[in-house]
Amino acid sequence: MAQQKRLRNLAQNLKDKASVIAAVLSPKRHVSSVRVHVLRATTHALTAPPSEETIAAVLAVGEGSHRHPRACIDALMDRLHHTRSATVALKCLFTLHNVVVKGPFTLKDQLSCYPSYGGHNFLNLSTFRDDSDVESVELSSWVRWYAGVLEQSLTVSRVLGYYLNASSETQERKKILVSNASNADLLYKVEALVGFVEQISHVPDSLHLQRNELVYEVVRLVGENYRSVQVEILLRVDELGERMEDFEVGELNELVGYLGRLEESLEKLILLFVNRRRNNGFWDLVEKTKEKGMAKKKEIEGKWLTVVVNAGAAELPRSTNPFLDPGQLSPVPRIDFATVR
């Protein structure tokens, strides 16, 4: 088994080198250099993630000719969709994630347009599986999870109107935008943000693979997104909590439901980010706002019940007994069952 793995690794290394040589010799010069950078960032070697220098070389493509950004995203997607290697797929996703987090606008723009070709699940990796060995099968579940996280990250960015981790909006500016937003808009964005947290919490059970340096770096980058999402949720939940006295029951149901879903994700998030600092203030606000919303909902429903009961009493049929005053209810005669024959 070990001998087969060594031979497979050797064959994959040779394949990587042959791909680079073929890209260098390509007559399409503007595409050639781009493909070389992409291939060097997405090798079959599992020992380590792409180096900072390799990622920087890919991101620098966005600063060149207007044709380079499109060629770069196309090369990454082509590599991602044609590989059968979980390692290569994970490196492609890691490189795309770096484009989203710290790439130039030209690259982000090309990536954000790409979903139009394939809909919501534009990375199309929901059935990805590498059966090379047990480790590759386990790593495949991380590829599927990471693709879902990246897709959800781009969805949230479109909903918010700016990219997570890379927003030019200051915190004060965000507070102003949130305070001026309608309840419907705030709830809509909270729903999208909660969906992102839920996707992160669907992490594979093979958490021991975080010992792998590539998986560790993937989780670190996702953790940065998670912290940014916490800030976005915190701003909106705090604002919604201030407005709660004027909420309708439908709005309360939405908010309490979203916060409940958020709390259900907590256990898996703790396991995933076990060695990272937990934001207790965030979770305390979520719990308090949820309890406040449930109490407000109960209060409104209690008032409804009172109104219904009073309305029912007011509509009781009036007696036509001429011996009673107008509006006086007719007494119900007492029946003595002992005298009934």
Protein backbone atom coordinates (compact mmCIF):
# COMPACT_ATOMS: atom_id res chain seq x y z
CA MET A 1 0.00 0.00 0.00
CA ALA A 2 2.80 2.40 0.95
CA GLN A 3 4.67 1.49 -2.23
CA GLN A 4 1.57 2.22 -4.34
CA LYS A 5 1.17 5.61 -2.64
CA ARG A 6 4.80 6.53 -3.36
CA LEU A 7 4.40 5.55 -7.00
CA ARG A 8 1.17 7.54 -7.25
CA ASN A 9 2.83 10.62 -5.71
CA LEU A 10 5.74 10.30 -8.14
CA ALA A 11 3.35 10.05 -11.10
CA GLN A 12 1.43 13.09 -9.89
CA ASN A 13 4.62 15.14 -9.48
CA LEU A 14 5.67 14.25 -13.01
CA LYS A 15 2.19 15.18 -14.24
CA ASP A 16 2.44 18.60 -12.51
CA LYS A 17 5.82 19.28 -14.14
CA ALA A 18 4.55 18.19 -17.56
CA SER A 19 1.51 20.51 -17.20
CA VAL A 20 3.76 23.46 -16.38
CA ILE A 21 6.03 22.74 -19.36
CA ALA A 22 3.00 22.47 -21.66
CA ALA A 23 1.68 25.81 -20.37
CA VAL A 24 5.06 27.49 -20.86
CA LEU A 25 5.26 26.25 -24.46
CA SER A 26 1.70 27.36 -25.29
CA PRO A 27 1.55 29.78 -28.27
CA LYS A 28 -1.06 31.87 -26.40
CA ARG A 29 1.38 33.99 -24.44
CA HIS A 30 -1.21 36.02 -22.47
CA VAL A 31 -2.76 32.76 -21.22
CA SER A 32 0.48 30.84 -20.81
CA SER A 33 1.92 32.84 -17.89
CA VAL A 34 -1.44 32.85 -16.10
CA ARG A 35 -1.82 29.06 -16.36
CA VAL A 36 1.70 28.55 -15.05
CA HIS A 37 0.89 30.55 -11.88
CA VAL A 38 -2.35 28.60 -11.41
CA LEU A 39 -0.64 25.22 -11.87
CA ARG A 40 2.10 26.09 -9.38
CA ALA A 41 -0.55 27.05 -6.79
CA THR A 42 -2.56 23.86 -7.28
CA THR A 43 -0.06 20.98 -7.33
CA HIS A 44 -0.84 17.44 -6.16
CA ALA A 45 1.56 17.72 -3.21
CA LEU A 46 -0.47 17.31 -0.01
CA THR A 47 2.33 18.29 2.38
CA ALA A 48 1.58 22.02 2.36
CA PRO A 49 -0.85 24.65 1.08
CA PRO A 50 0.23 27.05 -1.68
CA SER A 51 2.91 29.40 -0.38
CA GLU A 52 2.20 33.10 0.13
CA GLU A 53 4.49 33.86 -2.80
CA THR A 54 2.58 31.49 -5.07
CA ILE A 55 -0.79 32.97 -4.06
CA ALA A 56 0.61 36.50 -4.50
CA ALA A 57 1.71 35.61 -8.05
CA VAL A 58 -1.84 34.48 -8.90
CA LEU A 59 -3.39 37.61 -7.39
CA ALA A 60 -0.91 39.83 -9.25
CA VAL A 61 -2.44 38.60 -12.51
CA GLY A 62 -5.37 40.91 -11.80
CA GLU A 63 -3.10 43.92 -12.06
CA GLY A 64 -2.04 43.13 -15.62
CA SER A 65 -3.80 43.20 -18.96
CA HIS A 66 -7.61 43.33 -18.98
CA ARG A 67 -7.57 39.82 -20.49
CA HIS A 68 -5.57 38.30 -17.65
CA PRO A 69 -8.24 38.34 -14.88
CA ARG A 70 -10.71 36.42 -17.04
CA ALA A 71 -7.99 33.97 -18.07
CA CYS A 72 -6.99 33.47 -14.44
CA ILE A 73 -10.51 32.65 -13.20
CA ASP A 74 -11.12 30.42 -16.23
CA ALA A 75 -7.85 28.57 -15.58
CA LEU A 76 -8.73 28.02 -11.90
CA MET A 77 -12.25 26.82 -12.74
CA ASP A 78 -10.96 24.57 -15.50
CA ARG A 79 -8.42 23.05 -13.12
CA LEU A 80 -11.06 22.63 -10.41
CA HIS A 81 -13.68 20.98 -12.62
CA HIS A 82 -11.34 18.59 -14.41
CA THR A 83 -9.25 17.25 -11.55
CA ARG A 84 -10.00 13.98 -9.79
CA SER A 85 -7.60 14.80 -6.96
CA ALA A 86 -9.04 16.03 -3.66
CA THR A 87 -5.76 17.80 -2.93
CA VAL A 88 -5.80 19.75 -6.19
CA ALA A 89 -9.48 20.62 -5.76
CA LEU A 90 -8.89 21.87 -2.21
CA LYS A 91 -5.95 24.01 -3.39
CA CYS A 92 -8.08 25.47 -6.20
CA LEU A 93 -10.76 26.43 -3.68
CA PHE A 94 -8.14 27.85 -1.32
CA THR A 95 -6.74 30.00 -4.15
CA LEU A 96 -10.24 31.18 -5.13
CA HIS A 97 -10.93 32.03 -1.50
CA ASN A 98 -7.79 34.17 -1.42
CA VAL A 99 -9.08 35.95 -4.53
CA VAL A 100 -12.27 36.81 -2.63
CA VAL A 101 -10.45 37.88 0.56
CA LYS A 102 -7.51 39.88 -0.77
CA GLY A 103 -7.54 39.81 -4.57
CA PRO A 104 -7.86 42.93 -6.75
CA PHE A 105 -11.29 44.05 -7.87
CA THR A 106 -10.71 42.83 -11.43
CA LEU A 107 -10.33 39.22 -10.27
CA LYS A 108 -13.24 39.45 -7.83
CA ASP A 109 -15.43 40.88 -10.56
CA GLN A 110 -14.69 37.96 -12.87
CA LEU A 111 -15.37 35.46 -10.07
CA SER A 112 -18.61 37.14 -9.02
CA CYS A 113 -19.86 36.95 -12.62
CA TYR A 114 -19.03 33.26 -12.90
CA PRO A 115 -22.14 31.98 -11.02
CA SER A 116 -24.30 33.25 -13.88
CA TYR A 117 -23.07 30.29 -15.90
CA GLY A 118 -24.04 27.65 -13.34
CA GLY A 119 -26.58 29.04 -10.89
CA HIS A 120 -26.34 28.92 -7.09
CA ASN A 121 -24.11 25.84 -6.92
CA PHE A 122 -21.73 27.24 -9.51
CA LEU A 123 -18.66 25.37 -8.22
CA ASN A 124 -20.59 22.16 -8.91
CA LEU A 125 -18.70 19.98 -6.42
CA SER A 126 -21.60 18.54 -4.41
CA THR A 127 -20.83 15.03 -5.73
CA PHE A 128 -17.02 15.31 -5.79
CA ARG A 129 -15.23 12.18 -4.58
CA ASP A 130 -11.61 11.01 -4.82
CA ASP A 131 -11.42 7.25 -4.21
CA SER A 132 -7.63 6.99 -4.44
CA ASP A 133 -7.30 5.98 -0.78
CA VAL A 134 -8.99 6.41 2.60
CA GLU A 135 -7.39 9.80 3.23
CA SER A 136 -8.50 11.06 -0.18
CA VAL A 137 -12.08 9.93 0.49
CA GLU A 138 -12.05 11.87 3.78
CA LEU A 139 -10.46 14.87 2.10
CA SER A 140 -13.21 14.79 -0.54
CA SER A 141 -15.80 15.62 2.13
CA TRP A 142 -13.73 18.70 2.98
CA VAL A 143 -13.73 19.71 -0.71
CA ARG A 144 -17.54 19.49 -0.84
CA TRP A 145 -17.86 21.45 2.43
CA TYR A 146 -15.35 24.12 1.39
CA ALA A 147 -17.07 24.61 -1.97
CA GLY A 148 -20.37 25.17 -0.13
CA VAL A 149 -18.74 27.69 2.22
CA LEU A 150 -17.20 29.62 -0.69
CA GLU A 151 -20.49 29.66 -2.60
CA GLN A 152 -22.33 30.89 0.49
CA SER A 153 -19.64 33.54 1.08
CA LEU A 154 -20.23 34.98 -2.41
CA THR A 155 -24.00 34.83 -1.90
CA VAL A 156 -23.69 36.81 1.36
CA SER A 157 -21.43 39.35 -0.35
CA ARG A 158 -24.05 39.93 -3.03
CA VAL A 159 -26.75 40.34 -0.37
CA LEU A 160 -24.67 42.80 1.68
CA GLY A 161 -23.35 44.69 -1.32
CA TYR A 162 -19.70 44.24 -0.32
CA TYR A 163 -17.20 41.41 0.21
CA LEU A 164 -16.57 39.88 3.62
CA ASN A 165 -13.05 40.54 5.00
CA ALA A 166 -12.41 43.06 2.25
CA SER A 167 -15.00 45.77 2.70
CA SER A 168 -14.02 49.39 2.27
CA GLU A 169 -16.94 50.31 4.54
CA THR A 170 -15.84 51.53 7.99
CA GLN A 171 -17.57 50.29 11.11
CA GLU A 172 -19.23 53.66 11.66
CA ARG A 173 -20.46 53.73 8.08
CA LYS A 174 -21.91 50.24 8.50
CA LYS A 175 -23.75 51.34 11.65
CA ILE A 176 -25.33 54.22 9.75
CA LEU A 177 -26.42 51.89 6.93
CA VAL A 178 -27.91 49.44 9.43
CA SER A 179 -29.75 52.13 11.40
CA ASN A 180 -31.32 53.47 8.20
CA ALA A 181 -32.38 50.04 6.90
CA SER A 182 -35.93 48.74 7.12
CA ASN A 183 -36.89 45.80 9.33
CA ALA A 184 -37.47 43.67 6.23
CA ASP A 185 -34.00 44.48 4.87
CA LEU A 186 -32.30 43.71 8.20
CA LEU A 187 -34.12 40.39 8.55
CA TYR A 188 -33.32 39.46 4.94
CA LYS A 189 -29.61 40.03 5.54
CA VAL A 190 -29.64 38.26 8.90
CA GLU A 191 -31.16 35.23 7.18
CA ALA A 192 -28.34 35.18 4.59
CA LEU A 193 -25.67 35.59 7.28
CA VAL A 194 -27.17 32.81 9.42
CA GLY A 195 -27.21 30.58 6.33
CA PHE A 196 -23.46 31.16 5.98
CA VAL A 197 -22.83 30.19 9.62
CA GLU A 198 -24.97 27.07 9.14
CA GLN A 199 -22.91 26.07 6.10
CA ILE A 200 -19.71 26.40 8.14
CA SER A 201 -21.23 24.22 10.87
CA HIS A 202 -21.83 21.42 8.35
CA VAL A 203 -18.11 20.66 8.60
CA PRO A 204 -17.11 17.01 8.01
CA ASP A 205 -16.78 14.71 11.01
CA SER A 206 -13.14 13.98 10.11
CA LEU A 207 -11.92 16.94 12.18
CA HIS A 208 -8.64 15.10 12.83
CA LEU A 209 -7.61 16.12 9.30
CA GLN A 210 -6.94 19.60 10.66
CA ARG A 211 -3.52 18.17 11.48
CA ASN A 212 -2.99 18.35 7.74
CA GLU A 213 -1.38 21.73 7.03
CA LEU A 214 -3.54 22.38 3.97
CA VAL A 215 -6.79 21.68 5.84
CA TYR A 216 -5.53 23.77 8.77
CA GLU A 217 -4.99 26.78 6.49
CA VAL A 218 -8.43 26.28 4.93
CA VAL A 219 -10.05 26.34 8.38
CA ARG A 220 -8.01 29.41 9.34
CA LEU A 221 -9.26 31.32 6.29
CA VAL A 222 -12.85 30.20 6.88
CA GLY A 223 -12.43 31.31 10.51
CA GLU A 224 -11.61 34.83 9.31
CA ASN A 225 -14.85 34.86 7.31
CA TYR A 226 -16.73 33.55 10.34
CA ARG A 227 -15.47 36.40 12.53
CA SER A 228 -16.49 38.94 9.87
CA VAL A 229 -19.96 37.39 9.69
CA GLN A 230 -20.29 37.60 13.48
CA VAL A 231 -19.65 41.35 13.26
CA GLU A 232 -22.28 41.72 10.51
CA ILE A 233 -24.86 39.72 12.48
CA LEU A 234 -24.03 41.60 15.70
CA LEU A 235 -24.74 45.00 14.09
CA ARG A 236 -28.13 43.89 12.77
CA VAL A 237 -29.30 41.87 15.77
CA ASP A 238 -28.42 44.78 18.08
CA GLU A 239 -30.46 47.17 15.90
CA LEU A 240 -33.40 44.75 15.66
CA GLY A 241 -33.34 44.32 19.43
CA GLU A 242 -33.72 48.09 19.84
CA ARG A 243 -36.73 48.13 17.50
CA MET A 244 -38.44 45.08 18.94
CA GLU A 245 -41.15 46.98 20.85
CA ASP A 246 -42.70 47.99 17.53
CA PHE A 247 -42.41 44.56 15.89
CA GLU A 248 -45.32 42.59 14.49
CA VAL A 249 -45.64 38.89 15.32
CA GLY A 250 -44.44 37.89 11.84
CA GLU A 251 -41.21 39.83 12.30
CA LEU A 252 -40.73 38.35 15.76
CA ASN A 253 -41.22 34.84 14.38
CA GLU A 254 -38.58 35.47 11.72
CA LEU A 255 -36.00 36.90 14.10
CA VAL A 256 -36.51 34.26 16.81
CA GLY A 257 -36.33 31.53 14.14
CA TYR A 258 -33.05 32.84 12.68
CA LEU A 259 -31.45 33.18 16.12
CA GLY A 260 -32.61 29.68 17.04
CA ARG A 261 -30.95 28.29 13.92
CA LEU A 262 -27.81 30.18 14.84
CA GLU A 263 -27.71 28.63 18.32
CA GLU A 264 -28.15 25.15 16.83
CA SER A 265 -24.87 25.67 14.94
CA LEU A 266 -22.85 26.52 18.05
CA GLU A 267 -21.80 23.02 19.08
CA LYS A 268 -20.22 22.16 15.71
CA LEU A 269 -18.56 25.60 15.51
CA ILE A 270 -16.90 25.05 18.89
CA LEU A 271 -15.49 21.73 17.66
CA LEU A 272 -14.24 23.28 14.42
CA PHE A 273 -12.61 26.33 16.01
CA VAL A 274 -11.63 24.53 19.21
CA ASN A 275 -8.29 26.31 19.67
CA ARG A 276 -9.55 29.74 18.69
CA ARG A 277 -10.97 32.45 20.93
CA ARG A 278 -14.75 32.28 21.33
CA ASN A 279 -16.74 35.51 21.06
CA ASN A 280 -18.92 35.11 24.15
CA GLY A 281 -20.35 38.62 23.80
CA PHE A 282 -21.81 37.68 20.42
CA TRP A 283 -23.53 34.54 21.71
CA ASP A 284 -24.80 36.35 24.83
CA LEU A 285 -26.49 38.96 22.60
CA VAL A 286 -28.01 36.23 20.42
CA GLU A 287 -29.45 34.45 23.47
CA LYS A 288 -30.79 37.63 25.12
CA THR A 289 -32.35 38.93 21.90
CA LYS A 290 -34.00 35.57 21.25
CA GLU A 291 -35.44 35.46 24.79
CA LYS A 292 -36.63 39.06 24.47
CA GLY A 293 -38.31 38.23 21.15
CA MET A 294 -40.04 35.17 22.61
CA ALA A 295 -41.28 37.20 25.58
CA LYS A 296 -42.58 39.96 23.29
CA LYS A 297 -44.33 37.40 21.10
CA LYS A 298 -45.98 35.82 24.16
CA GLU A 299 -47.10 39.26 25.33
CA ILE A 300 -48.72 40.08 21.96
CA GLU A 301 -50.41 36.69 21.76
CA GLY A 302 -51.72 37.18 25.31
CA LYS A 303 -53.28 40.50 24.29
CA TRP A 304 -54.84 38.80 21.27
CA LEU A 305 -56.41 36.16 23.52
CA THR A 306 -57.82 38.82 25.82
CA VAL A 307 -59.35 40.70 22.89
CA VAL A 308 -60.90 37.53 21.48
CA VAL A 309 -62.38 36.52 24.84
CA ASN A 310 -63.80 39.99 25.46
CA ALA A 311 -65.20 40.17 21.94
CA GLY A 312 -66.84 36.78 22.43
CA ALA A 313 -68.46 37.87 25.66
CA ALA A 314 -69.76 41.06 24.05
CA GLU A 315 -71.43 39.07 21.29
CA LEU A 316 -73.43 36.74 23.58
CA PRO A 317 -77.14 36.68 22.56
CA ARG A 318 -79.31 39.11 24.49
CA SER A 319 -82.56 37.92 26.13
CA THR A 320 -85.95 38.98 24.78
CA ASN A 321 -87.60 38.34 28.15
CA PRO A 322 -89.92 41.33 28.72
CA PHE A 323 -89.37 41.09 32.48
CA LEU A 324 -85.63 41.88 32.08
CA ASP A 325 -84.00 45.28 31.60
CA PRO A 326 -82.62 46.06 28.09
CA GLY A 327 -79.19 44.38 27.64
CA GLN A 328 -79.58 42.25 30.78
CA LEU A 329 -78.48 38.65 30.23
CA SER A 330 -81.04 35.95 30.84
CA PRO A 331 -79.97 33.80 33.78
CA VAL A 332 -79.50 30.13 33.04
CA PRO A 333 -81.98 28.13 35.15
CA ARG A 334 -80.40 25.76 37.58
CA ILE A 335 -81.26 22.12 36.93
CA ASP A 336 -81.45 19.80 39.87
CA PHE A 337 -80.61 16.42 38.39
CA ALA A 338 -81.99 14.72 41.48
CA THR A 339 -85.51 15.81 40.51
CA VAL A 340 -85.25 14.84 36.86
CA ARG A 341 -87.57 11.92 35.98
